[in-house]
C-alpha atoms as a PDB file:
ATOM      1  CA  MET A   1     -17.912 -26.034 -12.946  1.00  0.00           C
ATOM      2  CA  ALA A   2     -15.512 -23.577 -11.131  1.00  0.00           C
ATOM      3  CA  LYS A   3     -16.104 -21.646  -7.903  1.00  0.00           C
ATOM      4  CA  LEU A   4     -15.018 -18.678  -5.976  1.00  0.00           C
ATOM      5  CA  TYR A   5     -13.475 -19.689  -2.361  1.00  0.00           C
ATOM      6  CA  PHE A   6     -12.910 -18.049   0.073  1.00  0.00           C
ATOM      7  CA  ARG A   7     -10.491 -19.756   2.916  1.00  0.00           C
ATOM      8  CA  TYR A   8     -10.265 -17.180   6.064  1.00  0.00           C
ATOM      9  CA  GLY A   9      -9.031 -17.356   9.051  1.00  0.00           C
ATOM     10  CA  ALA A  10      -7.561 -14.994  12.166  1.00  0.00           C
ATOM     11  CA  MET A  11      -3.958 -14.998  12.184  1.00  0.00           C
ATOM     12  CA  GLY A  12      -1.555 -17.327  12.442  1.00  0.00           C
ATOM     13  CA  SER A  13      -4.106 -19.549  10.863  1.00  0.00           C
ATOM     14  CA  SER A  14      -1.511 -20.412   7.956  1.00  0.00           C
ATOM     15  CA  LYS A  15      -3.561 -18.971   5.201  1.00  0.00           C
ATOM     16  CA  SER A  16      -0.657 -17.884   2.870  1.00  0.00           C
ATOM     17  CA  ALA A  17       1.248 -21.418   3.431  1.00  0.00           C
ATOM     18  CA  GLN A  18      -2.199 -23.043   2.230  1.00  0.00           C
ATOM     19  CA  ALA A  19      -2.146 -20.564  -0.735  1.00  0.00           C
ATOM     20  CA  LEU A  20       1.186 -21.509  -1.490  1.00  0.00           C
ATOM     21  CA  ILE A  21       0.672 -25.164  -0.963  1.00  0.00           C
ATOM     22  CA  THR A  22      -2.528 -24.939  -3.390  1.00  0.00           C
ATOM     23  CA  LYS A  23      -0.466 -23.091  -5.494  1.00  0.00           C
ATOM     24  CA  PHE A  24       2.094 -25.945  -5.597  1.00  0.00           C
ATOM     25  CA  ASN A  25      -0.098 -28.686  -5.816  1.00  0.00           C
ATOM     26  CA  TYR A  26      -1.916 -27.037  -9.408  1.00  0.00           C
ATOM     27  CA  GLU A  27       1.579 -26.453 -10.327  1.00  0.00           C
ATOM     28  CA  GLU A  28       3.051 -29.874  -9.892  1.00  0.00           C
ATOM     29  CA  LYS A  29       0.069 -31.452 -12.373  1.00  0.00           C
ATOM     30  CA  GLY A  30       1.249 -28.569 -14.984  1.00  0.00           C
ATOM     31  CA  MET A  31      -1.643 -26.476 -14.732  1.00  0.00           C
ATOM     32  CA  ARG A  32      -1.284 -22.487 -14.670  1.00  0.00           C
ATOM     33  CA  VAL A  33      -1.652 -20.259 -11.808  1.00  0.00           C
ATOM     34  CA  TRP A  34      -1.987 -16.890 -11.444  1.00  0.00           C
ATOM     35  CA  LEU A  35      -0.747 -15.743  -8.070  1.00  0.00           C
ATOM     36  CA  LEU A  36      -2.314 -12.396  -6.480  1.00  0.00           C
ATOM     37  CA  LYS A  37      -1.751  -9.946  -4.003  1.00  0.00           C
ATOM     38  CA  PRO A  38      -2.754  -6.412  -3.003  1.00  0.00           C
ATOM     39  CA  SER A  39      -0.340  -3.645  -2.903  1.00  0.00           C
ATOM     40  CA  VAL A  40      -0.628  -2.710   0.339  1.00  0.00           C
ATOM     41  CA  ASP A  41       0.980  -5.691   1.670  1.00  0.00           C
ATOM     42  CA  THR A  42       4.457  -4.780   1.513  1.00  0.00           C
ATOM     43  CA  ARG A  43       5.559  -6.533   4.784  1.00  0.00           C
ATOM     44  CA  ASN A  44       8.062  -8.727   2.440  1.00  0.00           C
ATOM     45  CA  GLY A  45       8.613  -7.209  -0.404  1.00  0.00           C
ATOM     46  CA  ALA A  46       5.862  -5.908  -2.790  1.00  0.00           C
ATOM     47  CA  ASP A  47       5.399  -8.825  -4.853  1.00  0.00           C
ATOM     48  CA  ILE A  48       6.167 -11.647  -2.552  1.00  0.00           C
ATOM     49  CA  VAL A  49       3.841 -13.735  -0.548  1.00  0.00           C
ATOM     50  CA  LYS A  50       5.806 -15.036   2.278  1.00  0.00           C
ATOM     51  CA  SER A  51       4.477 -17.568   5.301  1.00  0.00           C
ATOM     52  CA  ARG A  52       5.456 -17.715   8.548  1.00  0.00           C
ATOM     53  CA  ILE A  53       6.798 -21.138   8.015  1.00  0.00           C
ATOM     54  CA  GLY A  54       8.808 -20.019   5.515  1.00  0.00           C
ATOM     55  CA  LEU A  55       7.494 -20.979   1.917  1.00  0.00           C
ATOM     56  CA  GLU A  56       7.666 -17.753  -0.391  1.00  0.00           C
ATOM     57  CA  GLN A  57       6.670 -16.976  -3.990  1.00  0.00           C
ATOM     58  CA  LYS A  58       6.705 -13.944  -6.393  1.00  0.00           C
ATOM     59  CA  ALA A  59       3.073 -12.734  -7.683  1.00  0.00           C
ATOM     60  CA  ASP A  60       1.434 -10.006  -9.448  1.00  0.00           C
ATOM     61  CA  VAL A  61       0.883  -6.893  -7.217  1.00  0.00           C
ATOM     62  CA  VAL A  62      -2.725  -5.645  -7.389  1.00  0.00           C
ATOM     63  CA  THR A  63      -3.427  -2.191  -6.952  1.00  0.00           C
ATOM     64  CA  PRO A  64      -6.584  -0.605  -6.376  1.00  0.00           C
ATOM     65  CA  GLU A  65      -7.251   1.129  -9.890  1.00  0.00           C
ATOM     66  CA  MET A  66      -6.438  -2.644 -11.425  1.00  0.00           C
ATOM     67  CA  ASP A  67      -9.663  -4.477 -13.367  1.00  0.00           C
ATOM     68  CA  LEU A  68      -8.842  -7.617 -12.647  1.00  0.00           C
ATOM     69  CA  PHE A  69     -11.362  -9.144 -14.935  1.00  0.00           C
ATOM     70  CA  GLU A  70     -10.077  -7.095 -18.064  1.00  0.00           C
ATOM     71  CA  ILE A  71      -6.445  -8.100 -17.349  1.00  0.00           C
ATOM     72  CA  PHE A  72      -7.211 -11.467 -17.057  1.00  0.00           C
ATOM     73  CA  ARG A  73      -9.087 -11.272 -20.470  1.00  0.00           C
ATOM     74  CA  GLN A  74      -6.598  -9.626 -21.999  1.00  0.00           C
ATOM     75  CA  ARG A  75      -3.843 -12.341 -20.889  1.00  0.00           C
ATOM     76  CA  GLU A  76      -6.586 -15.170 -22.749  1.00  0.00           C
ATOM     77  CA  ARG A  77      -4.016 -16.258 -24.724  1.00  0.00           C
ATOM     78  CA  GLU A  78      -1.297 -17.127 -21.657  1.00  0.00           C
ATOM     79  CA  PHE A  79      -4.645 -18.596 -19.740  1.00  0.00           C
ATOM     80  CA  TYR A  80      -4.797 -19.432 -15.940  1.00  0.00           C
ATOM     81  CA  ASP A  81      -6.080 -22.488 -15.057  1.00  0.00           C
ATOM     82  CA  VAL A  82      -6.478 -20.722 -11.553  1.00  0.00           C
ATOM     83  CA  ILE A  83      -6.149 -17.604  -9.607  1.00  0.00           C
ATOM     84  CA  ILE A  84      -4.949 -17.909  -6.013  1.00  0.00           C
ATOM     85  CA  ALA A  85      -5.426 -14.536  -3.805  1.00  0.00           C
ATOM     86  CA  ASP A  86      -3.689 -13.895  -1.045  1.00  0.00           C
ATOM     87  CA  GLU A  87      -4.743 -11.290   1.624  1.00  0.00           C
ATOM     88  CA  ALA A  88      -7.555 -10.881  -0.263  1.00  0.00           C
ATOM     89  CA  GLN A  89      -9.267  -8.986   2.672  1.00  0.00           C
ATOM     90  CA  PHE A  90      -7.279  -5.407   1.054  1.00  0.00           C
ATOM     91  CA  PHE A  91      -8.692  -6.323  -2.416  1.00  0.00           C
ATOM     92  CA  LEU A  92     -12.133  -3.547  -3.335  1.00  0.00           C
ATOM     93  CA  PRO A  93     -15.166  -4.908  -3.513  1.00  0.00           C
ATOM     94  CA  VAL A  94     -15.341  -4.389  -7.025  1.00  0.00           C
ATOM     95  CA  GLN A  95     -12.448  -6.482  -7.689  1.00  0.00           C
ATOM     96  CA  ILE A  96     -14.182  -9.438  -6.145  1.00  0.00           C
ATOM     97  CA  GLU A  97     -16.768  -8.890  -8.374  1.00  0.00           C
ATOM     98  CA  GLN A  98     -14.525  -9.113 -10.970  1.00  0.00           C
ATOM     99  CA  LEU A  99     -12.773 -12.119  -9.452  1.00  0.00           C
ATOM    100  CA  ARG A 100     -16.276 -14.017  -9.278  1.00  0.00           C
ATOM    101  CA  ASP A 101     -17.086 -12.644 -13.029  1.00  0.00           C
ATOM    102  CA  ILE A 102     -13.668 -14.530 -13.860  1.00  0.00           C
ATOM    103  CA  VAL A 103     -15.336 -17.926 -12.316  1.00  0.00           C
ATOM    104  CA  ASP A 104     -18.454 -17.625 -14.457  1.00  0.00           C
ATOM    105  CA  ALA A 105     -16.977 -16.211 -17.603  1.00  0.00           C
ATOM    106  CA  TYR A 106     -14.031 -18.410 -18.123  1.00  0.00           C
ATOM    107  CA  ASN A 107     -14.981 -21.447 -15.482  1.00  0.00           C
ATOM    108  CA  VAL A 108     -11.429 -20.826 -14.048  1.00  0.00           C
ATOM    109  CA  PRO A 109     -11.807 -21.178  -9.911  1.00  0.00           C
ATOM    110  CA  VAL A 110     -10.562 -18.734  -7.978  1.00  0.00           C
ATOM    111  CA  LEU A 111      -9.026 -19.054  -4.560  1.00  0.00           C
ATOM    112  CA  CYS A 112      -9.082 -16.015  -1.603  1.00  0.00           C
ATOM    113  CA  PHE A 113      -7.277 -16.366   1.459  1.00  0.00           C
ATOM    114  CA  GLY A 114      -7.166 -13.669   3.550  1.00  0.00           C
ATOM    115  CA  LEU A 115      -8.696 -12.494   7.220  1.00  0.00           C
ATOM    116  CA  ARG A 116     -12.147 -11.618   8.005  1.00  0.00           C
ATOM    117  CA  THR A 117     -12.308  -9.247  10.322  1.00  0.00           C
ATOM    118  CA  ASP A 118     -10.041  -5.928  11.410  1.00  0.00           C
ATOM    119  CA  PHE A 119      -8.560  -5.688  15.478  1.00  0.00           C
ATOM    120  CA  ARG A 120     -11.722  -4.215  16.093  1.00  0.00           C
ATOM    121  CA  THR A 121     -13.508  -7.536  14.863  1.00  0.00           C
ATOM    122  CA  LYS A 122     -15.023  -5.019  11.545  1.00  0.00           C
ATOM    123  CA  MET A 123     -15.592  -6.702   8.664  1.00  0.00           C
ATOM    124  CA  PHE A 124     -12.831  -5.810   6.103  1.00  0.00           C
ATOM    125  CA  PRO A 125     -14.708  -4.139   2.981  1.00  0.00           C
ATOM    126  CA  GLY A 126     -12.556  -7.400   0.599  1.00  0.00           C
ATOM    127  CA  SER A 127     -13.792  -9.663   3.095  1.00  0.00           C
ATOM    128  CA  LYS A 128     -17.446  -8.639   3.256  1.00  0.00           C
ATOM    129  CA  ARG A 129     -17.956  -9.216  -0.529  1.00  0.00           C
ATOM    130  CA  LEU A 130     -16.376 -12.294  -0.621  1.00  0.00           C
ATOM    131  CA  LEU A 131     -18.817 -13.638   1.906  1.00  0.00           C
ATOM    132  CA  GLU A 132     -21.501 -12.415   0.002  1.00  0.00           C
ATOM    133  CA  LEU A 133     -20.589 -13.761  -3.609  1.00  0.00           C
ATOM    134  CA  ALA A 134     -18.132 -17.279  -2.583  1.00  0.00           C
ATOM    135  CA  ASP A 135     -19.445 -20.707  -3.687  1.00  0.00           C
ATOM    136  CA  SER A 136     -17.395 -22.602  -0.661  1.00  0.00           C
ATOM    137  CA  ILE A 137     -16.577 -20.431   2.775  1.00  0.00           C
ATOM    138  CA  THR A 138     -14.056 -22.493   4.590  1.00  0.00           C
ATOM    139  CA  GLU A 139     -12.697 -20.906   8.089  1.00  0.00           C
ATOM    140  CA  LEU A 140      -9.081 -22.272   8.414  1.00  0.00           C
ATOM    141  CA  LYS A 141      -8.820 -22.524  12.761  1.00  0.00           C
ATOM    142  CA  THR A 142      -6.014 -21.579  14.856  1.00  0.00           C
ATOM    143  CA  VAL A 143      -6.407 -20.964  18.871  1.00  0.00           C
ATOM    144  CA  CYS A 144      -5.521 -18.403  21.279  1.00  0.00           C
ATOM    145  CA  ALA A 145      -3.343 -18.889  24.544  1.00  0.00           C
ATOM    146  CA  CYS A 146      -6.170 -20.147  26.594  1.00  0.00           C
ATOM    147  CA  GLY A 147      -6.867 -23.088  23.783  1.00  0.00           C
ATOM    148  CA  SER A 148      -9.721 -21.659  23.170  1.00  0.00           C
ATOM    149  CA  LYS A 149     -10.848 -21.252  18.712  1.00  0.00           C
ATOM    150  CA  ALA A 150      -8.946 -17.946  17.978  1.00  0.00           C
ATOM    151  CA  ILE A 151     -11.307 -15.520  16.290  1.00  0.00           C
ATOM    152  CA  VAL A 152      -9.881 -11.771  16.714  1.00  0.00           C
ATOM    153  CA  ASN A 153      -6.772 -10.389  15.367  1.00  0.00           C
ATOM    154  CA  ALA A 154      -5.876  -8.412  18.487  1.00  0.00           C
ATOM    155  CA  ARG A 155      -3.990  -5.218  17.416  1.00  0.00           C
ATOM    156  CA  LEU A 156      -0.582  -4.584  19.909  1.00  0.00           C
ATOM    157  CA  ASP A 157       1.103  -1.510  21.154  1.00  0.00           C
ATOM    158  CA  GLN A 158       5.234  -1.326  21.676  1.00  0.00           C
ATOM    159  CA  GLU A 159       4.150  -2.635  24.961  1.00  0.00           C
ATOM    160  CA  GLY A 160       2.205  -5.706  24.110  1.00  0.00           C
ATOM    161  CA  ASN A 161      -1.388  -4.703  25.377  1.00  0.00           C
ATOM    162  CA  VAL A 162      -4.301  -4.862  23.125  1.00  0.00           C
ATOM    163  CA  VAL A 163      -5.623  -1.325  21.188  1.00  0.00           C
ATOM    164  CA  THR A 164      -9.121  -0.951  19.667  1.00  0.00           C
ATOM    165  CA  ASP A 165      -7.753   2.526  18.209  1.00  0.00           C
ATOM    166  CA  GLY A 166      -5.953   2.927  14.581  1.00  0.00           C
ATOM    167  CA  GLU A 167      -6.358   2.979  11.029  1.00  0.00           C
ATOM    168  CA  GLN A 168      -8.100  -0.399   9.739  1.00  0.00           C
ATOM    169  CA  VAL A 169      -4.811  -1.685   7.882  1.00  0.00           C
ATOM    170  CA  PHE A 170      -1.763  -1.715   9.788  1.00  0.00           C
ATOM    171  CA  LEU A 171       0.816  -4.042   8.777  1.00  0.00           C
ATOM    172  CA  GLY A 172       2.654  -6.419  11.181  1.00  0.00           C
ATOM    173  CA  GLY A 173       3.074  -9.795  11.896  1.00  0.00           C
ATOM    174  CA  ASN A 174       3.523 -11.470  15.556  1.00  0.00           C
ATOM    175  CA  GLU A 175       4.773  -8.587  17.122  1.00  0.00           C
ATOM    176  CA  SER A 176       2.130  -6.256  16.233  1.00  0.00           C
ATOM    177  CA  TYR A 177      -0.823  -9.150  16.427  1.00  0.00           C
ATOM    178  CA  ARG A 178      -1.913 -11.990  18.244  1.00  0.00           C
ATOM    179  CA  ALA A 179      -4.669 -14.263  17.506  1.00  0.00           C
ATOM    180  CA  MET A 180      -6.943 -14.306  20.551  1.00  0.00           C
ATOM    181  CA  CYS A 181     -10.772 -15.880  21.174  1.00  0.00           C
ATOM    182  CA  TYR A 182     -13.273 -13.145  21.795  1.00  0.00           C
ATOM    183  CA  LYS A 183     -13.190 -14.072  25.625  1.00  0.00           C
ATOM    184  CA  CYS A 184      -9.774 -13.300  25.783  1.00  0.00           C
ATOM    185  CA  TRP A 185      -9.745 -10.211  23.717  1.00  0.00           C
ATOM    186  CA  LYS A 186     -12.902  -8.383  25.949  1.00  0.00           C
ATOM    187  CA  LYS A 187     -10.169  -9.465  29.319  1.00  0.00           C
ATOM    188  CA  ALA A 188      -7.305  -7.633  27.555  1.00  0.00           C
ATOM    189  CA  GLN A 189      -9.486  -4.020  26.911  1.00  0.00           C
ATOM    190  CA  GLU A 190     -10.782  -4.384  30.521  1.00  0.00           C
ATOM    191  CA  ARG A 191      -7.366  -4.488  32.213  1.00  0.00           C
ATOM    192  CA  LYS A 192      -6.081  -2.136  30.098  1.00  0.00           C
ATOM    193  CA  LYS A 193      -8.900   0.187  30.767  1.00  0.00           C
ATOM    194  CA  GLU A 194      -8.388  -0.589  34.815  1.00  0.00           C
ATOM    195  CA  GLU A 195      -4.757   0.691  34.442  1.00  0.00           C
END
């Protein structure tokens, strides 16, 4: 029985690497993989999923107006054995529902990788819907500089200070974000206020 999977973690927890390794494992067994990524994620090229350790693959780009269930239905002759979605937090809730419908209607597993919360510790709409609908939820862990488990995707300004204002979606890598534990994130905010 196929399932909808959500594998989430803070930045630097190897989500994209895990997505690409999973793709490789399925393909090594002769299975067809539909690799997806949201159109908002253009950091490494519009149609490239790339991990920080250098793994990369071409992916189909999902725009907000796309109906993933309908596209899958139209491509049924090609039939995918599995769907892997990177940066799934950026999909619309309705697109998460469409992926859920593919699992149920076609018995095809869907593995979604992404962030749970933004830099303010607020849930992304796509992640919220995944947490509501996924059959299996797994946290991919990483650590804060203090050694504790990181759960916050702290956004940094040009000087490396933690910021808590701005748009929810701001693309960036190590220069713009740092995975932190909640305690260190709160301390960084307090230091900023004292300046």
